[in-house]
PDB file of N, CA and C in Angstrom:
ATOM      1  N   PHE A   1      50.943  28.347  88.762  1.00  0.00           N
ATOM      2  CA  PHE A   1      50.167  28.232  87.540  1.00  0.00           C
ATOM      3  C   PHE A   1      48.746  27.737  87.811  1.00  0.00           C
ATOM      4  N   MET A   2      48.565  27.101  88.929  1.00  0.00           N
ATOM      5  CA  MET A   2      47.239  26.562  89.234  1.00  0.00           C
ATOM      6  C   MET A   2      46.201  27.675  89.346  1.00  0.00           C
ATOM      7  N   ASN A   3      46.588  28.812  89.899  1.00  0.00           N
ATOM      8  CA  ASN A   3      45.641  29.917  90.042  1.00  0.00           C
ATOM      9  C   ASN A   3      45.218  30.451  88.673  1.00  0.00           C
ATOM     10  N   ILE A   4      46.164  30.577  87.762  1.00  0.00           N
ATOM     11  CA  ILE A   4      45.836  31.061  86.414  1.00  0.00           C
ATOM     12  C   ILE A   4      44.883  30.085  85.727  1.00  0.00           C
ATOM     13  N   LEU A   5      45.174  28.803  85.838  1.00  0.00           N
ATOM     14  CA  LEU A   5      44.313  27.800  85.210  1.00  0.00           C
ATOM     15  C   LEU A   5      42.930  27.762  85.864  1.00  0.00           C
ATOM     16  N   SER A   6      42.898  27.880  87.167  1.00  0.00           N
ATOM     17  CA  SER A   6      41.616  27.879  87.876  1.00  0.00           C
ATOM     18  C   SER A   6      40.761  29.072  87.453  1.00  0.00           C
ATOM     19  N   ASN A   7      41.383  30.238  87.337  1.00  0.00           N
ATOM     20  CA  ASN A   7      40.650  31.424  86.888  1.00  0.00           C
ATOM     21  C   ASN A   7      40.143  31.244  85.456  1.00  0.00           C
ATOM     22  N   ALA A   8      40.965  30.656  84.609  1.00  0.00           N
ATOM     23  CA  ALA A   8      40.557  30.426  83.218  1.00  0.00           C
ATOM     24  C   ALA A   8      39.357  29.483  83.164  1.00  0.00           C
ATOM     25  N   ILE A   9      39.414  28.422  83.932  1.00  0.00           N
ATOM     26  CA  ILE A   9      38.310  27.461  83.953  1.00  0.00           C
ATOM     27  C   ILE A   9      37.031  28.127  84.449  1.00  0.00           C
ATOM     28  N   ASP A  10      37.134  28.906  85.512  1.00  0.00           N
ATOM     29  CA  ASP A  10      35.953  29.610  86.037  1.00  0.00           C
ATOM     30  C   ASP A  10      35.334  30.519  84.977  1.00  0.00           C
ATOM     31  N   ALA A  11      36.181  31.279  84.293  1.00  0.00           N
ATOM     32  CA  ALA A  11      35.679  32.208  83.277  1.00  0.00           C
ATOM     33  C   ALA A  11      35.051  31.453  82.107  1.00  0.00           C
ATOM     34  N   LEU A  12      35.670  30.358  81.709  1.00  0.00           N
ATOM     35  CA  LEU A  12      35.125  29.573  80.600  1.00  0.00           C
ATOM     36  C   LEU A  12      33.794  28.934  80.978  1.00  0.00           C
ATOM     37  N   GLU A  13      33.680  28.466  82.208  1.00  0.00           N
ATOM     38  CA  GLU A  13      32.414  27.879  82.656  1.00  0.00           C
ATOM     39  C   GLU A  13      31.295  28.920  82.659  1.00  0.00           C
ATOM     40  N   LYS A  14      31.614  30.132  83.083  1.00  0.00           N
ATOM     41  CA  LYS A  14      30.605  31.199  83.076  1.00  0.00           C
ATOM     42  C   LYS A  14      30.176  31.527  81.649  1.00  0.00           C
ATOM     43  N   LYS A  15      31.143  31.564  80.744  1.00  0.00           N
ATOM     44  CA  LYS A  15      30.816  31.859  79.346  1.00  0.00           C
ATOM     45  C   LYS A  15      29.991  30.726  78.735  1.00  0.00           C
ATOM     46  N   MET A  16      30.294  29.482  79.107  1.00  0.00           N
ATOM     47  CA  MET A  16      29.528  28.338  78.602  1.00  0.00           C
ATOM     48  C   MET A  16      28.074  28.403  79.061  1.00  0.00           C
ATOM     49  N   ALA A  17      27.852  28.900  80.267  1.00  0.00           N
ATOM     50  CA  ALA A  17      26.492  28.999  80.795  1.00  0.00           C
ATOM     51  C   ALA A  17      25.665  30.030  80.026  1.00  0.00           C
ATOM     52  N   ILE A  18      26.338  31.011  79.449  1.00  0.00           N
ATOM     53  CA  ILE A  18      25.651  32.083  78.716  1.00  0.00           C
ATOM     54  C   ILE A  18      25.494  31.741  77.236  1.00  0.00           C
ATOM     55  N   GLU A  19      26.539  31.154  76.661  1.00  0.00           N
ATOM     56  CA  GLU A  19      26.555  30.864  75.223  1.00  0.00           C
ATOM     57  C   GLU A  19      26.489  29.350  75.011  1.00  0.00           C
ATOM     58  N   SER A  20      25.363  28.866  74.557  1.00  0.00           N
ATOM     59  CA  SER A  20      25.155  27.419  74.459  1.00  0.00           C
ATOM     60  C   SER A  20      26.052  26.731  73.423  1.00  0.00           C
ATOM     61  N   PHE A  21      26.494  27.437  72.401  1.00  0.00           N
ATOM     62  CA  PHE A  21      27.321  26.809  71.369  1.00  0.00           C
ATOM     63  C   PHE A  21      28.809  27.112  71.539  1.00  0.00           C
ATOM     64  N   PHE A  22      29.176  27.656  72.660  1.00  0.00           N
ATOM     65  CA  PHE A  22      30.568  28.011  72.944  1.00  0.00           C
ATOM     66  C   PHE A  22      31.388  26.756  73.232  1.00  0.00           C
ATOM     67  N   THR A  23      32.536  26.636  72.598  1.00  0.00           N
ATOM     68  CA  THR A  23      33.449  25.519  72.847  1.00  0.00           C
ATOM     69  C   THR A  23      34.714  26.071  73.503  1.00  0.00           C
ATOM     70  N   PRO A  24      34.878  25.838  74.791  1.00  0.00           N
ATOM     71  CA  PRO A  24      36.035  26.403  75.488  1.00  0.00           C
ATOM     72  C   PRO A  24      37.323  25.648  75.184  1.00  0.00           C
ATOM     73  N   TRP A  25      38.435  26.371  75.274  1.00  0.00           N
ATOM     74  CA  TRP A  25      39.736  25.723  75.169  1.00  0.00           C
ATOM     75  C   TRP A  25      40.770  26.492  75.988  1.00  0.00           C
ATOM     76  N   ILE A  26      41.735  25.747  76.474  1.00  0.00           N
ATOM     77  CA  ILE A  26      42.899  26.309  77.166  1.00  0.00           C
ATOM     78  C   ILE A  26      44.124  25.676  76.515  1.00  0.00           C
ATOM     79  N   ARG A  27      45.087  26.503  76.154  1.00  0.00           N
ATOM     80  CA  ARG A  27      46.312  26.014  75.520  1.00  0.00           C
ATOM     81  C   ARG A  27      47.500  26.378  76.407  1.00  0.00           C
ATOM     82  N   ILE A  28      48.315  25.389  76.703  1.00  0.00           N
ATOM     83  CA  ILE A  28      49.541  25.605  77.476  1.00  0.00           C
ATOM     84  C   ILE A  28      50.712  25.248  76.574  1.00  0.00           C
ATOM     85  N   ARG A  29      51.603  26.207  76.374  1.00  0.00           N
ATOM     86  CA  ARG A  29      52.764  25.987  75.507  1.00  0.00           C
ATOM     87  C   ARG A  29      54.040  26.261  76.288  1.00  0.00           C
ATOM     88  N   THR A  30      55.041  25.487  75.998  1.00  0.00           N
ATOM     89  CA  THR A  30      56.360  25.741  76.578  1.00  0.00           C
ATOM     90  C   THR A  30      57.356  25.931  75.445  1.00  0.00           C
ATOM     91  N   GLN A  31      58.343  26.750  75.713  1.00  0.00           N
ATOM     92  CA  GLN A  31      59.356  27.042  74.712  1.00  0.00           C
ATOM     93  C   GLN A  31      60.678  27.274  75.429  1.00  0.00           C
ATOM     94  N   VAL A  32      61.743  26.754  74.881  1.00  0.00           N
ATOM     95  CA  VAL A  32      63.068  26.964  75.446  1.00  0.00           C
ATOM     96  C   VAL A  32      63.731  28.116  74.709  1.00  0.00           C
ATOM     97  N   ASN A  33      64.205  29.087  75.471  1.00  0.00           N
ATOM     98  CA  ASN A  33      64.954  30.206  74.915  1.00  0.00           C
ATOM     99  C   ASN A  33      66.408  30.014  75.340  1.00  0.00           C
ATOM    100  N   GLU A  34      67.165  29.348  74.499  1.00  0.00           N
ATOM    101  CA  GLU A  34      68.545  29.012  74.855  1.00  0.00           C
ATOM    102  C   GLU A  34      69.440  30.242  74.940  1.00  0.00           C
ATOM    103  N   CYS A  35      69.140  31.270  74.172  1.00  0.00           N
ATOM    104  CA  CYS A  35      69.956  32.485  74.206  1.00  0.00           C
ATOM    105  C   CYS A  35      69.914  33.151  75.583  1.00  0.00           C
ATOM    106  N   GLN A  36      68.757  33.090  76.213  1.00  0.00           N
ATOM    107  CA  GLN A  36      68.602  33.708  77.534  1.00  0.00           C
ATOM    108  C   GLN A  36      68.594  32.675  78.652  1.00  0.00           C
ATOM    109  N   ASN A  37      68.864  31.421  78.296  1.00  0.00           N
ATOM    110  CA  ASN A  37      68.879  30.342  79.276  1.00  0.00           C
ATOM    111  C   ASN A  37      67.581  30.342  80.094  1.00  0.00           C
ATOM    112  N   ALA A  38      66.455  30.308  79.375  1.00  0.00           N
ATOM    113  CA  ALA A  38      65.154  30.429  80.036  1.00  0.00           C
ATOM    114  C   ALA A  38      64.128  29.522  79.365  1.00  0.00           C
ATOM    115  N   VAL A  39      63.062  29.291  80.093  1.00  0.00           N
ATOM    116  CA  VAL A  39      61.899  28.582  79.567  1.00  0.00           C
ATOM    117  C   VAL A  39      60.731  29.558  79.588  1.00  0.00           C
ATOM    118  N   VAL A  40      59.978  29.606  78.498  1.00  0.00           N
ATOM    119  CA  VAL A  40      58.810  30.474  78.397  1.00  0.00           C
ATOM    120  C   VAL A  40      57.570  29.584  78.461  1.00  0.00           C
ATOM    121  N   ILE A  41      56.649  29.930  79.337  1.00  0.00           N
ATOM    122  CA  ILE A  41      55.391  29.195  79.464  1.00  0.00           C
ATOM    123  C   ILE A  41      54.267  30.155  79.105  1.00  0.00           C
ATOM    124  N   SER A  42      53.451  29.764  78.126  1.00  0.00           N
ATOM    125  CA  SER A  42      52.324  30.592  77.688  1.00  0.00           C
ATOM    126  C   SER A  42      51.026  29.852  77.964  1.00  0.00           C
ATOM    127  N   ILE A  43      50.071  30.559  78.543  1.00  0.00           N
ATOM    128  CA  ILE A  43      48.745  29.997  78.796  1.00  0.00           C
ATOM    129  C   ILE A  43      47.741  30.917  78.121  1.00  0.00           C
ATOM    130  N   THR A  44      46.965  30.360  77.195  1.00  0.00           N
ATOM    131  CA  THR A  44      45.942  31.141  76.500  1.00  0.00           C
ATOM    132  C   THR A  44      44.623  30.385  76.546  1.00  0.00           C
ATOM    133  N   ASP A  45      43.535  31.134  76.425  1.00  0.00           N
ATOM    134  CA  ASP A  45      42.214  30.515  76.344  1.00  0.00           C
ATOM    135  C   ASP A  45      41.315  31.414  75.508  1.00  0.00           C
ATOM    136  N   ASN A  46      40.111  30.971  75.276  1.00  0.00           N
ATOM    137  CA  ASN A  46      39.171  31.772  74.497  1.00  0.00           C
ATOM    138  C   ASN A  46      38.054  32.331  75.377  1.00  0.00           C
ATOM    139  N   GLY A  47      38.411  32.631  76.605  1.00  0.00           N
ATOM    140  CA  GLY A  47      37.468  33.235  77.538  1.00  0.00           C
ATOM    141  C   GLY A  47      37.342  34.732  77.307  1.00  0.00           C
ATOM    142  N   PRO A  48      36.632  35.407  78.195  1.00  0.00           N
ATOM    143  CA  PRO A  48      36.354  36.829  78.018  1.00  0.00           C
ATOM    144  C   PRO A  48      37.554  37.747  78.248  1.00  0.00           C
ATOM    145  N   GLY A  49      38.627  37.240  78.795  1.00  0.00           N
ATOM    146  CA  GLY A  49      39.798  38.072  79.053  1.00  0.00           C
ATOM    147  C   GLY A  49      39.786  38.655  80.453  1.00  0.00           C
ATOM    148  N   VAL A  50      40.885  39.252  80.803  1.00  0.00           N
ATOM    149  CA  VAL A  50      41.046  39.851  82.125  1.00  0.00           C
ATOM    150  C   VAL A  50      40.832  41.355  81.998  1.00  0.00           C
ATOM    151  N   PRO A  51      39.983  41.922  82.838  1.00  0.00           N
ATOM    152  CA  PRO A  51      39.793  43.376  82.790  1.00  0.00           C
ATOM    153  C   PRO A  51      41.125  44.101  83.025  1.00  0.00           C
ATOM    154  N   PRO A  52      41.348  45.202  82.327  1.00  0.00           N
ATOM    155  CA  PRO A  52      42.634  45.913  82.429  1.00  0.00           C
ATOM    156  C   PRO A  52      43.045  46.253  83.860  1.00  0.00           C
ATOM    157  N   HIS A  53      42.099  46.620  84.708  1.00  0.00           N
ATOM    158  CA  HIS A  53      42.461  47.018  86.068  1.00  0.00           C
ATOM    159  C   HIS A  53      42.916  45.839  86.935  1.00  0.00           C
ATOM    160  N   MET A  54      42.724  44.616  86.473  1.00  0.00           N
ATOM    161  CA  MET A  54      43.139  43.438  87.235  1.00  0.00           C
ATOM    162  C   MET A  54      44.459  42.841  86.746  1.00  0.00           C
ATOM    163  N   LYS A  55      44.909  43.220  85.583  1.00  0.00           N
ATOM    164  CA  LYS A  55      46.095  42.597  84.982  1.00  0.00           C
ATOM    165  C   LYS A  55      47.345  42.742  85.837  1.00  0.00           C
ATOM    166  N   GLN A  56      47.474  43.839  86.547  1.00  0.00           N
ATOM    167  CA  GLN A  56      48.668  44.054  87.366  1.00  0.00           C
ATOM    168  C   GLN A  56      48.768  43.058  88.518  1.00  0.00           C
ATOM    169  N   ARG A  57      47.654  42.474  88.901  1.00  0.00           N
ATOM    170  CA  ARG A  57      47.642  41.591  90.070  1.00  0.00           C
ATOM    171  C   ARG A  57      47.626  40.106  89.716  1.00  0.00           C
ATOM    172  N   LEU A  58      47.704  39.767  88.448  1.00  0.00           N
ATOM    173  CA  LEU A  58      47.551  38.375  88.030  1.00  0.00           C
ATOM    174  C   LEU A  58      48.501  37.405  88.724  1.00  0.00           C
ATOM    175  N   PHE A  59      49.681  37.851  89.057  1.00  0.00           N
ATOM    176  CA  PHE A  59      50.651  36.945  89.672  1.00  0.00           C
ATOM    177  C   PHE A  59      50.753  37.120  91.183  1.00  0.00           C
ATOM    178  N   ASP A  60      49.840  37.883  91.764  1.00  0.00           N
ATOM    179  CA  ASP A  60      49.782  37.987  93.221  1.00  0.00           C
ATOM    180  C   ASP A  60      49.269  36.664  93.792  1.00  0.00           C
ATOM    181  N   PRO A  61      49.882  36.188  94.862  1.00  0.00           N
ATOM    182  CA  PRO A  61      49.398  34.940  95.467  1.00  0.00           C
ATOM    183  C   PRO A  61      47.930  35.054  95.873  1.00  0.00           C
ATOM    184  N   PHE A  62      47.172  34.043  95.566  1.00  0.00           N
ATOM    185  CA  PHE A  62      45.768  33.900  95.954  1.00  0.00           C
ATOM    186  C   PHE A  62      44.836  34.924  95.312  1.00  0.00           C
ATOM    187  N   PHE A  63      45.325  35.687  94.342  1.00  0.00           N
ATOM    188  CA  PHE A  63      44.453  36.637  93.643  1.00  0.00           C
ATOM    189  C   PHE A  63      43.554  35.873  92.688  1.00  0.00           C
ATOM    190  N   THR A  64      42.301  36.247  92.636  1.00  0.00           N
ATOM    191  CA  THR A  64      41.368  35.624  91.711  1.00  0.00           C
ATOM    192  C   THR A  64      40.550  36.700  91.022  1.00  0.00           C
ATOM    193  N   THR A  65      40.150  36.411  89.802  1.00  0.00           N
ATOM    194  CA  THR A  65      39.339  37.367  89.067  1.00  0.00           C
ATOM    195  C   THR A  65      37.883  37.081  89.328  1.00  0.00           C
TER     196      THR A  65
END
């Protein structure tokens, strides 16, 4: 998860440098899905997003946007 958060922070910092009134945020949510015996972790932010051609690699080790 550190790579995802690091990428989010980098993107938010770049957006802050361009937009002076931009207020960045990152939200991390956890949810228990007892029916599937699983935990769901969601990470969202208000950055520019990930380009479509990079989405397939988001969980590759050491991949950065």
